[in-house]
Amino acid sequence: MVKLGLWVPLEARPGKDQEVEQFLRDGLPLVEQEAGTTAWFALRLGPSMFGIFDAFADESAREAHLAGKVAAALMAKAPELFMGTPPVQKLEVLAAKLP
């Protein structure tokens, strides 16, 4: 059961929207290797607005994800791709429907 999540809103730097989109698409294979990440979504919310939503069964899985390759790549690329440092917001999942 999914109990916890992360929400990371991302605003692309001017002219970097296609690079951000590709960066997010390239993150999927890395997340697929994380056994504890129950769900992961890379989202486009508008022309320069993106987001990542993740879901986890417990805190140890969430912390493992935050210490993983996708989070490291996100922070490494942040100065080049995003307006400011992406805020990582921890959240509690109240209800979910997953396959």
PDB file of N, CA and C in Angstrom:
ATOM      1  N   MET A   1       0.834  -1.180   0.000  1.00  0.00           N
ATOM      2  CA  MET A   1       0.000   0.000   0.000  1.00  0.00           C
ATOM      3  C   MET A   1       0.885   1.252   0.000  1.00  0.00           C
ATOM      4  N   VAL A   2       0.458   2.229  -0.706  1.00  0.00           N
ATOM      5  CA  VAL A   2       1.188   3.496  -0.813  1.00  0.00           C
ATOM      6  C   VAL A   2       0.759   4.401   0.339  1.00  0.00           C
ATOM      7  N   LYS A   3       1.752   4.878   1.084  1.00  0.00           N
ATOM      8  CA  LYS A   3       1.443   5.730   2.232  1.00  0.00           C
ATOM      9  C   LYS A   3       2.089   7.109   2.140  1.00  0.00           C
ATOM     10  N   LEU A   4       3.226   7.189   1.452  1.00  0.00           N
ATOM     11  CA  LEU A   4       4.004   8.422   1.417  1.00  0.00           C
ATOM     12  C   LEU A   4       4.313   8.811  -0.020  1.00  0.00           C
ATOM     13  N   GLY A   5       4.637  10.082  -0.208  1.00  0.00           N
ATOM     14  CA  GLY A   5       4.974  10.546  -1.542  1.00  0.00           C
ATOM     15  C   GLY A   5       5.935  11.707  -1.507  1.00  0.00           C
ATOM     16  N   LEU A   6       6.318  12.126  -2.685  1.00  0.00           N
ATOM     17  CA  LEU A   6       7.127  13.317  -2.899  1.00  0.00           C
ATOM     18  C   LEU A   6       6.505  14.101  -4.042  1.00  0.00           C
ATOM     19  N   TRP A   7       6.531  15.416  -3.931  1.00  0.00           N
ATOM     20  CA  TRP A   7       6.106  16.301  -5.008  1.00  0.00           C
ATOM     21  C   TRP A   7       7.241  17.278  -5.239  1.00  0.00           C
ATOM     22  N   VAL A   8       7.698  17.347  -6.484  1.00  0.00           N
ATOM     23  CA  VAL A   8       8.802  18.239  -6.842  1.00  0.00           C
ATOM     24  C   VAL A   8       8.369  19.088  -8.032  1.00  0.00           C
ATOM     25  N   PRO A   9       7.931  20.323  -7.796  1.00  0.00           N
ATOM     26  CA  PRO A   9       7.603  21.217  -8.916  1.00  0.00           C
ATOM     27  C   PRO A   9       8.894  21.747  -9.533  1.00  0.00           C
ATOM     28  N   LEU A  10       8.890  21.840 -10.859  1.00  0.00           N
ATOM     29  CA  LEU A  10      10.086  22.256 -11.593  1.00  0.00           C
ATOM     30  C   LEU A  10       9.719  23.328 -12.609  1.00  0.00           C
ATOM     31  N   GLU A  11      10.455  24.405 -12.615  1.00  0.00           N
ATOM     32  CA  GLU A  11      10.276  25.439 -13.632  1.00  0.00           C
ATOM     33  C   GLU A  11      11.537  25.496 -14.482  1.00  0.00           C
ATOM     34  N   ALA A  12      11.371  25.234 -15.780  1.00  0.00           N
ATOM     35  CA  ALA A  12      12.512  25.227 -16.695  1.00  0.00           C
ATOM     36  C   ALA A  12      13.044  26.640 -16.907  1.00  0.00           C
ATOM     37  N   ARG A  13      14.349  26.732 -17.028  1.00  0.00           N
ATOM     38  CA  ARG A  13      14.959  28.007 -17.418  1.00  0.00           C
ATOM     39  C   ARG A  13      14.482  28.345 -18.827  1.00  0.00           C
ATOM     40  N   PRO A  14      14.461  29.622 -19.189  1.00  0.00           N
ATOM     41  CA  PRO A  14      14.043  29.993 -20.546  1.00  0.00           C
ATOM     42  C   PRO A  14      14.844  29.234 -21.607  1.00  0.00           C
ATOM     43  N   GLY A  15      14.118  28.651 -22.543  1.00  0.00           N
ATOM     44  CA  GLY A  15      14.734  27.915 -23.639  1.00  0.00           C
ATOM     45  C   GLY A  15      15.190  26.507 -23.291  1.00  0.00           C
ATOM     46  N   LYS A  16      14.949  26.062 -22.065  1.00  0.00           N
ATOM     47  CA  LYS A  16      15.415  24.735 -21.631  1.00  0.00           C
ATOM     48  C   LYS A  16      14.288  23.712 -21.510  1.00  0.00           C
ATOM     49  N   ASP A  17      13.081  24.062 -21.945  1.00  0.00           N
ATOM     50  CA  ASP A  17      11.943  23.170 -21.742  1.00  0.00           C
ATOM     51  C   ASP A  17      12.118  21.806 -22.404  1.00  0.00           C
ATOM     52  N   GLN A  18      12.667  21.761 -23.603  1.00  0.00           N
ATOM     53  CA  GLN A  18      12.863  20.468 -24.270  1.00  0.00           C
ATOM     54  C   GLN A  18      13.926  19.635 -23.553  1.00  0.00           C
ATOM     55  N   GLU A  19      14.962  20.296 -23.061  1.00  0.00           N
ATOM     56  CA  GLU A  19      16.001  19.587 -22.307  1.00  0.00           C
ATOM     57  C   GLU A  19      15.440  19.026 -21.006  1.00  0.00           C
ATOM     58  N   VAL A  20      14.588  19.784 -20.332  1.00  0.00           N
ATOM     59  CA  VAL A  20      13.961  19.303 -19.101  1.00  0.00           C
ATOM     60  C   VAL A  20      13.078  18.103 -19.411  1.00  0.00           C
ATOM     61  N   GLU A  21      12.298  18.201 -20.465  1.00  0.00           N
ATOM     62  CA  GLU A  21      11.436  17.075 -20.843  1.00  0.00           C
ATOM     63  C   GLU A  21      12.271  15.819 -21.087  1.00  0.00           C
ATOM     64  N   GLN A  22      13.352  15.936 -21.819  1.00  0.00           N
ATOM     65  CA  GLN A  22      14.202  14.771 -22.092  1.00  0.00           C
ATOM     66  C   GLN A  22      14.872  14.261 -20.820  1.00  0.00           C
ATOM     67  N   PHE A  23      15.319  15.160 -19.982  1.00  0.00           N
ATOM     68  CA  PHE A  23      15.926  14.781 -18.708  1.00  0.00           C
ATOM     69  C   PHE A  23      14.953  13.938 -17.880  1.00  0.00           C
ATOM     70  N   LEU A  24      13.694  14.365 -17.813  1.00  0.00           N
ATOM     71  CA  LEU A  24      12.691  13.619 -17.055  1.00  0.00           C
ATOM     72  C   LEU A  24      12.410  12.266 -17.688  1.00  0.00           C
ATOM     73  N   ARG A  25      12.308  12.219 -19.006  1.00  0.00           N
ATOM     74  CA  ARG A  25      12.094  10.933 -19.685  1.00  0.00           C
ATOM     75  C   ARG A  25      13.254   9.973 -19.412  1.00  0.00           C
ATOM     76  N   ASP A  26      14.464  10.511 -19.405  1.00  0.00           N
ATOM     77  CA  ASP A  26      15.654   9.686 -19.174  1.00  0.00           C
ATOM     78  C   ASP A  26      15.733   9.163 -17.745  1.00  0.00           C
ATOM     79  N   GLY A  27      14.976   9.754 -16.827  1.00  0.00           N
ATOM     80  CA  GLY A  27      14.978   9.304 -15.442  1.00  0.00           C
ATOM     81  C   GLY A  27      14.227   8.004 -15.216  1.00  0.00           C
ATOM     82  N   LEU A  28      13.311   7.664 -16.105  1.00  0.00           N
ATOM     83  CA  LEU A  28      12.481   6.474 -15.907  1.00  0.00           C
ATOM     84  C   LEU A  28      13.291   5.188 -15.729  1.00  0.00           C
ATOM     85  N   PRO A  29      14.268   4.887 -16.574  1.00  0.00           N
ATOM     86  CA  PRO A  29      15.026   3.647 -16.375  1.00  0.00           C
ATOM     87  C   PRO A  29      15.737   3.584 -15.022  1.00  0.00           C
ATOM     88  N   LEU A  30      16.161   4.728 -14.510  1.00  0.00           N
ATOM     89  CA  LEU A  30      16.815   4.752 -13.198  1.00  0.00           C
ATOM     90  C   LEU A  30      15.813   4.428 -12.088  1.00  0.00           C
ATOM     91  N   VAL A  31      14.631   5.004 -12.179  1.00  0.00           N
ATOM     92  CA  VAL A  31      13.603   4.764 -11.166  1.00  0.00           C
ATOM     93  C   VAL A  31      13.101   3.325 -11.237  1.00  0.00           C
ATOM     94  N   GLU A  32      13.054   2.755 -12.417  1.00  0.00           N
ATOM     95  CA  GLU A  32      12.599   1.371 -12.556  1.00  0.00           C
ATOM     96  C   GLU A  32      13.491   0.398 -11.790  1.00  0.00           C
ATOM     97  N   GLN A  33      14.715   0.790 -11.498  1.00  0.00           N
ATOM     98  CA  GLN A  33      15.643  -0.051 -10.732  1.00  0.00           C
ATOM     99  C   GLN A  33      15.407   0.045  -9.228  1.00  0.00           C
ATOM    100  N   GLU A  34      14.576   0.969  -8.785  1.00  0.00           N
ATOM    101  CA  GLU A  34      14.313   1.174  -7.363  1.00  0.00           C
ATOM    102  C   GLU A  34      13.118   0.327  -6.917  1.00  0.00           C
ATOM    103  N   ALA A  35      13.396  -0.722  -6.192  1.00  0.00           N
ATOM    104  CA  ALA A  35      12.330  -1.628  -5.756  1.00  0.00           C
ATOM    105  C   ALA A  35      11.314  -0.937  -4.856  1.00  0.00           C
ATOM    106  N   GLY A  36      11.722   0.040  -4.088  1.00  0.00           N
ATOM    107  CA  GLY A  36      10.838   0.683  -3.138  1.00  0.00           C
ATOM    108  C   GLY A  36       9.988   1.803  -3.687  1.00  0.00           C
ATOM    109  N   THR A  37      10.263   2.226  -4.928  1.00  0.00           N
ATOM    110  CA  THR A  37       9.460   3.285  -5.535  1.00  0.00           C
ATOM    111  C   THR A  37       8.259   2.632  -6.208  1.00  0.00           C
ATOM    112  N   THR A  38       7.093   2.774  -5.585  1.00  0.00           N
ATOM    113  CA  THR A  38       5.871   2.122  -6.057  1.00  0.00           C
ATOM    114  C   THR A  38       5.336   2.776  -7.325  1.00  0.00           C
ATOM    115  N   ALA A  39       5.375   4.101  -7.364  1.00  0.00           N
ATOM    116  CA  ALA A  39       4.891   4.845  -8.535  1.00  0.00           C
ATOM    117  C   ALA A  39       5.771   6.069  -8.722  1.00  0.00           C
ATOM    118  N   TRP A  40       6.001   6.430  -9.971  1.00  0.00           N
ATOM    119  CA  TRP A  40       6.811   7.603 -10.307  1.00  0.00           C
ATOM    120  C   TRP A  40       6.222   8.233 -11.558  1.00  0.00           C
ATOM    121  N   PHE A  41       5.972   9.522 -11.486  1.00  0.00           N
ATOM    122  CA  PHE A  41       5.397  10.241 -12.617  1.00  0.00           C
ATOM    123  C   PHE A  41       6.237  11.472 -12.908  1.00  0.00           C
ATOM    124  N   ALA A  42       6.631  11.641 -14.148  1.00  0.00           N
ATOM    125  CA  ALA A  42       7.252  12.875 -14.624  1.00  0.00           C
ATOM    126  C   ALA A  42       6.168  13.594 -15.415  1.00  0.00           C
ATOM    127  N   LEU A  43       5.887  14.839 -15.052  1.00  0.00           N
ATOM    128  CA  LEU A  43       4.732  15.552 -15.582  1.00  0.00           C
ATOM    129  C   LEU A  43       5.114  16.848 -16.267  1.00  0.00           C
ATOM    130  N   ARG A  44       4.367  17.194 -17.303  1.00  0.00           N
ATOM    131  CA  ARG A  44       4.462  18.522 -17.914  1.00  0.00           C
ATOM    132  C   ARG A  44       3.167  19.244 -17.567  1.00  0.00           C
ATOM    133  N   LEU A  45       3.301  20.373 -16.877  1.00  0.00           N
ATOM    134  CA  LEU A  45       2.144  21.120 -16.408  1.00  0.00           C
ATOM    135  C   LEU A  45       1.841  22.336 -17.267  1.00  0.00           C
ATOM    136  N   GLY A  46       2.769  22.722 -18.107  1.00  0.00           N
ATOM    137  CA  GLY A  46       2.618  23.895 -18.954  1.00  0.00           C
ATOM    138  C   GLY A  46       3.880  24.058 -19.785  1.00  0.00           C
ATOM    139  N   PRO A  47       3.991  25.152 -20.535  1.00  0.00           N
ATOM    140  CA  PRO A  47       5.146  25.335 -21.421  1.00  0.00           C
ATOM    141  C   PRO A  47       6.504  25.211 -20.725  1.00  0.00           C
ATOM    142  N   SER A  48       6.630  25.762 -19.528  1.00  0.00           N
ATOM    143  CA  SER A  48       7.914  25.692 -18.826  1.00  0.00           C
ATOM    144  C   SER A  48       7.780  25.087 -17.431  1.00  0.00           C
ATOM    145  N   MET A  49       6.595  24.579 -17.112  1.00  0.00           N
ATOM    146  CA  MET A  49       6.352  24.002 -15.782  1.00  0.00           C
ATOM    147  C   MET A  49       6.258  22.477 -15.866  1.00  0.00           C
ATOM    148  N   PHE A  50       7.011  21.838 -14.981  1.00  0.00           N
ATOM    149  CA  PHE A  50       7.072  20.388 -14.927  1.00  0.00           C
ATOM    150  C   PHE A  50       6.928  19.958 -13.469  1.00  0.00           C
ATOM    151  N   GLY A  51       6.854  18.671 -13.243  1.00  0.00           N
ATOM    152  CA  GLY A  51       6.807  18.174 -11.884  1.00  0.00           C
ATOM    153  C   GLY A  51       7.114  16.696 -11.844  1.00  0.00           C
ATOM    154  N   ILE A  52       7.489  16.245 -10.659  1.00  0.00           N
ATOM    155  CA  ILE A  52       7.710  14.824 -10.407  1.00  0.00           C
ATOM    156  C   ILE A  52       6.869  14.454  -9.195  1.00  0.00           C
ATOM    157  N   PHE A  53       6.122  13.360  -9.319  1.00  0.00           N
ATOM    158  CA  PHE A  53       5.392  12.807  -8.191  1.00  0.00           C
ATOM    159  C   PHE A  53       5.828  11.358  -8.023  1.00  0.00           C
ATOM    160  N   ASP A  54       6.168  10.987  -6.797  1.00  0.00           N
ATOM    161  CA  ASP A  54       6.583   9.627  -6.471  1.00  0.00           C
ATOM    162  C   ASP A  54       5.734   9.114  -5.329  1.00  0.00           C
ATOM    163  N   ALA A  55       5.581   7.797  -5.240  1.00  0.00           N
ATOM    164  CA  ALA A  55       4.839   7.198  -4.139  1.00  0.00           C
ATOM    165  C   ALA A  55       5.613   6.011  -3.572  1.00  0.00           C
ATOM    166  N   PHE A  56       5.464   5.831  -2.241  1.00  0.00           N
ATOM    167  CA  PHE A  56       6.243   4.828  -1.522  1.00  0.00           C
ATOM    168  C   PHE A  56       5.386   4.179  -0.444  1.00  0.00           C
ATOM    169  N   ALA A  57       5.745   2.959  -0.073  1.00  0.00           N
ATOM    170  CA  ALA A  57       5.031   2.251   0.981  1.00  0.00           C
ATOM    171  C   ALA A  57       5.477   2.691   2.371  1.00  0.00           C
ATOM    172  N   ASP A  58       6.741   3.128   2.483  1.00  0.00           N
ATOM    173  CA  ASP A  58       7.248   3.497   3.807  1.00  0.00           C
ATOM    174  C   ASP A  58       8.369   4.522   3.697  1.00  0.00           C
ATOM    175  N   GLU A  59       8.786   5.017   4.846  1.00  0.00           N
ATOM    176  CA  GLU A  59       9.802   6.071   4.904  1.00  0.00           C
ATOM    177  C   GLU A  59      11.156   5.587   4.407  1.00  0.00           C
ATOM    178  N   SER A  60      11.510   4.337   4.662  1.00  0.00           N
ATOM    179  CA  SER A  60      12.815   3.846   4.209  1.00  0.00           C
ATOM    180  C   SER A  60      12.890   3.827   2.681  1.00  0.00           C
ATOM    181  N   ALA A  61      11.808   3.498   2.014  1.00  0.00           N
ATOM    182  CA  ALA A  61      11.789   3.516   0.547  1.00  0.00           C
ATOM    183  C   ALA A  61      11.890   4.945   0.032  1.00  0.00           C
ATOM    184  N   ARG A  62      11.196   5.866   0.683  1.00  0.00           N
ATOM    185  CA  ARG A  62      11.261   7.270   0.269  1.00  0.00           C
ATOM    186  C   ARG A  62      12.675   7.815   0.457  1.00  0.00           C
ATOM    187  N   GLU A  63      13.290   7.522   1.575  1.00  0.00           N
ATOM    188  CA  GLU A  63      14.651   8.000   1.831  1.00  0.00           C
ATOM    189  C   GLU A  63      15.656   7.365   0.862  1.00  0.00           C
ATOM    190  N   ALA A  64      15.456   6.097   0.519  1.00  0.00           N
ATOM    191  CA  ALA A  64      16.327   5.440  -0.460  1.00  0.00           C
ATOM    192  C   ALA A  64      16.224   6.136  -1.812  1.00  0.00           C
ATOM    193  N   HIS A  65      15.018   6.520  -2.184  1.00  0.00           N
ATOM    194  CA  HIS A  65      14.828   7.236  -3.449  1.00  0.00           C
ATOM    195  C   HIS A  65      15.528   8.594  -3.406  1.00  0.00           C
ATOM    196  N   LEU A  66      15.391   9.300  -2.301  1.00  0.00           N
ATOM    197  CA  LEU A  66      16.023  10.609  -2.166  1.00  0.00           C
ATOM    198  C   LEU A  66      17.547  10.521  -2.189  1.00  0.00           C
ATOM    199  N   ALA A  67      18.084   9.362  -1.832  1.00  0.00           N
ATOM    200  CA  ALA A  67      19.531   9.150  -1.855  1.00  0.00           C
ATOM    201  C   ALA A  67      19.989   8.478  -3.153  1.00  0.00           C
ATOM    202  N   GLY A  68      19.047   8.271  -4.084  1.00  0.00           N
ATOM    203  CA  GLY A  68      19.332   7.522  -5.300  1.00  0.00           C
ATOM    204  C   GLY A  68      19.836   8.357  -6.466  1.00  0.00           C
ATOM    205  N   LYS A  69      19.947   7.699  -7.611  1.00  0.00           N
ATOM    206  CA  LYS A  69      20.529   8.288  -8.814  1.00  0.00           C
ATOM    207  C   LYS A  69      19.688   9.413  -9.411  1.00  0.00           C
ATOM    208  N   VAL A  70      18.377   9.274  -9.384  1.00  0.00           N
ATOM    209  CA  VAL A  70      17.524  10.309  -9.982  1.00  0.00           C
ATOM    210  C   VAL A  70      17.630  11.607  -9.187  1.00  0.00           C
ATOM    211  N   ALA A  71      17.575  11.505  -7.871  1.00  0.00           N
ATOM    212  CA  ALA A  71      17.685  12.703  -7.032  1.00  0.00           C
ATOM    213  C   ALA A  71      19.044  13.364  -7.211  1.00  0.00           C
ATOM    214  N   ALA A  72      20.098  12.565  -7.284  1.00  0.00           N
ATOM    215  CA  ALA A  72      21.442  13.113  -7.485  1.00  0.00           C
ATOM    216  C   ALA A  72      21.544  13.820  -8.831  1.00  0.00           C
ATOM    217  N   ALA A  73      20.999  13.212  -9.880  1.00  0.00           N
ATOM    218  CA  ALA A  73      21.031  13.836 -11.209  1.00  0.00           C
ATOM    219  C   ALA A  73      20.210  15.119 -11.225  1.00  0.00           C
ATOM    220  N   LEU A  74      19.062  15.111 -10.545  1.00  0.00           N
ATOM    221  CA  LEU A  74      18.208  16.293 -10.492  1.00  0.00           C
ATOM    222  C   LEU A  74      18.958  17.468  -9.863  1.00  0.00           C
ATOM    223  N   MET A  75      19.597  17.232  -8.753  1.00  0.00           N
ATOM    224  CA  MET A  75      20.314  18.320  -8.081  1.00  0.00           C
ATOM    225  C   MET A  75      21.557  18.751  -8.860  1.00  0.00           C
ATOM    226  N   ALA A  76      22.200  17.808  -9.534  1.00  0.00           N
ATOM    227  CA  ALA A  76      23.383  18.158 -10.334  1.00  0.00           C
ATOM    228  C   ALA A  76      23.008  19.024 -11.530  1.00  0.00           C
ATOM    229  N   LYS A  77      21.865  18.756 -12.137  1.00  0.00           N
ATOM    230  CA  LYS A  77      21.427  19.493 -13.327  1.00  0.00           C
ATOM    231  C   LYS A  77      20.623  20.747 -13.001  1.00  0.00           C
ATOM    232  N   ALA A  78      20.227  20.903 -11.744  1.00  0.00           N
ATOM    233  CA  ALA A  78      19.355  22.010 -11.349  1.00  0.00           C
ATOM    234  C   ALA A  78      19.862  23.376 -11.790  1.00  0.00           C
ATOM    235  N   PRO A  79      21.121  23.738 -11.566  1.00  0.00           N
ATOM    236  CA  PRO A  79      21.561  25.083 -11.963  1.00  0.00           C
ATOM    237  C   PRO A  79      21.447  25.337 -13.472  1.00  0.00           C
ATOM    238  N   GLU A  80      21.633  24.296 -14.258  1.00  0.00           N
ATOM    239  CA  GLU A  80      21.589  24.424 -15.714  1.00  0.00           C
ATOM    240  C   GLU A  80      20.162  24.443 -16.260  1.00  0.00           C
ATOM    241  N   LEU A  81      19.279  23.623 -15.690  1.00  0.00           N
ATOM    242  CA  LEU A  81      17.951  23.411 -16.276  1.00  0.00           C
ATOM    243  C   LEU A  81      16.809  24.161 -15.602  1.00  0.00           C
ATOM    244  N   PHE A  82      16.913  24.432 -14.302  1.00  0.00           N
ATOM    245  CA  PHE A  82      15.760  24.909 -13.552  1.00  0.00           C
ATOM    246  C   PHE A  82      15.963  26.299 -12.961  1.00  0.00           C
ATOM    247  N   MET A  83      14.847  26.976 -12.771  1.00  0.00           N
ATOM    248  CA  MET A  83      14.835  28.269 -12.093  1.00  0.00           C
ATOM    249  C   MET A  83      14.902  27.989 -10.595  1.00  0.00           C
ATOM    250  N   GLY A  84      16.041  28.146 -10.015  1.00  0.00           N
ATOM    251  CA  GLY A  84      16.213  27.885  -8.591  1.00  0.00           C
ATOM    252  C   GLY A  84      16.355  26.413  -8.278  1.00  0.00           C
ATOM    253  N   THR A  85      16.600  26.142  -7.022  1.00  0.00           N
ATOM    254  CA  THR A  85      16.717  24.759  -6.555  1.00  0.00           C
ATOM    255  C   THR A  85      15.328  24.151  -6.441  1.00  0.00           C
ATOM    256  N   PRO A  86      15.101  22.992  -7.064  1.00  0.00           N
ATOM    257  CA  PRO A  86      13.773  22.375  -6.989  1.00  0.00           C
ATOM    258  C   PRO A  86      13.396  22.044  -5.544  1.00  0.00           C
ATOM    259  N   PRO A  87      12.222  22.495  -5.093  1.00  0.00           N
ATOM    260  CA  PRO A  87      11.772  22.163  -3.740  1.00  0.00           C
ATOM    261  C   PRO A  87      11.222  20.735  -3.700  1.00  0.00           C
ATOM    262  N   VAL A  88      11.730  19.943  -2.794  1.00  0.00           N
ATOM    263  CA  VAL A  88      11.262  18.567  -2.622  1.00  0.00           C
ATOM    264  C   VAL A  88      10.302  18.560  -1.446  1.00  0.00           C
ATOM    265  N   GLN A  89       9.047  18.301  -1.735  1.00  0.00           N
ATOM    266  CA  GLN A  89       8.004  18.350  -0.711  1.00  0.00           C
ATOM    267  C   GLN A  89       7.561  16.935  -0.349  1.00  0.00           C
ATOM    268  N   LYS A  90       7.754  16.580   0.915  1.00  0.00           N
ATOM    269  CA  LYS A  90       7.300  15.277   1.393  1.00  0.00           C
ATOM    270  C   LYS A  90       5.808  15.374   1.687  1.00  0.00           C
ATOM    271  N   LEU A  91       5.077  14.305   1.357  1.00  0.00           N
ATOM    272  CA  LEU A  91       3.638  14.316   1.589  1.00  0.00           C
ATOM    273  C   LEU A  91       3.154  12.949   2.031  1.00  0.00           C
ATOM    274  N   GLU A  92       1.947  12.941   2.534  1.00  0.00           N
ATOM    275  CA  GLU A  92       1.287  11.718   2.973  1.00  0.00           C
ATOM    276  C   GLU A  92       0.178  11.407   1.969  1.00  0.00           C
ATOM    277  N   VAL A  93       0.129  10.182   1.487  1.00  0.00           N
ATOM    278  CA  VAL A  93      -0.908   9.746   0.549  1.00  0.00           C
ATOM    279  C   VAL A  93      -2.109   9.265   1.365  1.00  0.00           C
ATOM    280  N   LEU A  94      -3.245   9.893   1.156  1.00  0.00           N
ATOM    281  CA  LEU A  94      -4.454   9.542   1.900  1.00  0.00           C
ATOM    282  C   LEU A  94      -5.246   8.414   1.247  1.00  0.00           C
ATOM    283  N   ALA A  95      -5.212   8.342  -0.085  1.00  0.00           N
ATOM    284  CA  ALA A  95      -5.914   7.295  -0.817  1.00  0.00           C
ATOM    285  C   ALA A  95      -5.248   7.152  -2.173  1.00  0.00           C
ATOM    286  N   ALA A  96      -5.253   5.944  -2.711  1.00  0.00           N
ATOM    287  CA  ALA A  96      -4.635   5.705  -4.019  1.00  0.00           C
ATOM    288  C   ALA A  96      -5.288   4.497  -4.687  1.00  0.00           C
ATOM    289  N   LYS A  97      -5.254   4.519  -6.012  1.00  0.00           N
ATOM    290  CA  LYS A  97      -5.665   3.362  -6.807  1.00  0.00           C
ATOM    291  C   LYS A  97      -4.514   3.064  -7.754  1.00  0.00           C
ATOM    292  N   LEU A  98      -3.922   1.919  -7.605  1.00  0.00           N
ATOM    293  CA  LEU A  98      -2.811   1.504  -8.454  1.00  0.00           C
ATOM    294  C   LEU A  98      -3.130   0.139  -9.040  1.00  0.00           C
ATOM    295  N   PRO A  99      -2.503  -0.194 -10.183  1.00  0.00           N
ATOM    296  CA  PRO A  99      -2.761  -1.521 -10.751  1.00  0.00           C
ATOM    297  C   PRO A  99      -2.270  -2.647  -9.849  1.00  0.00           C
TER     298      PRO A  99
END
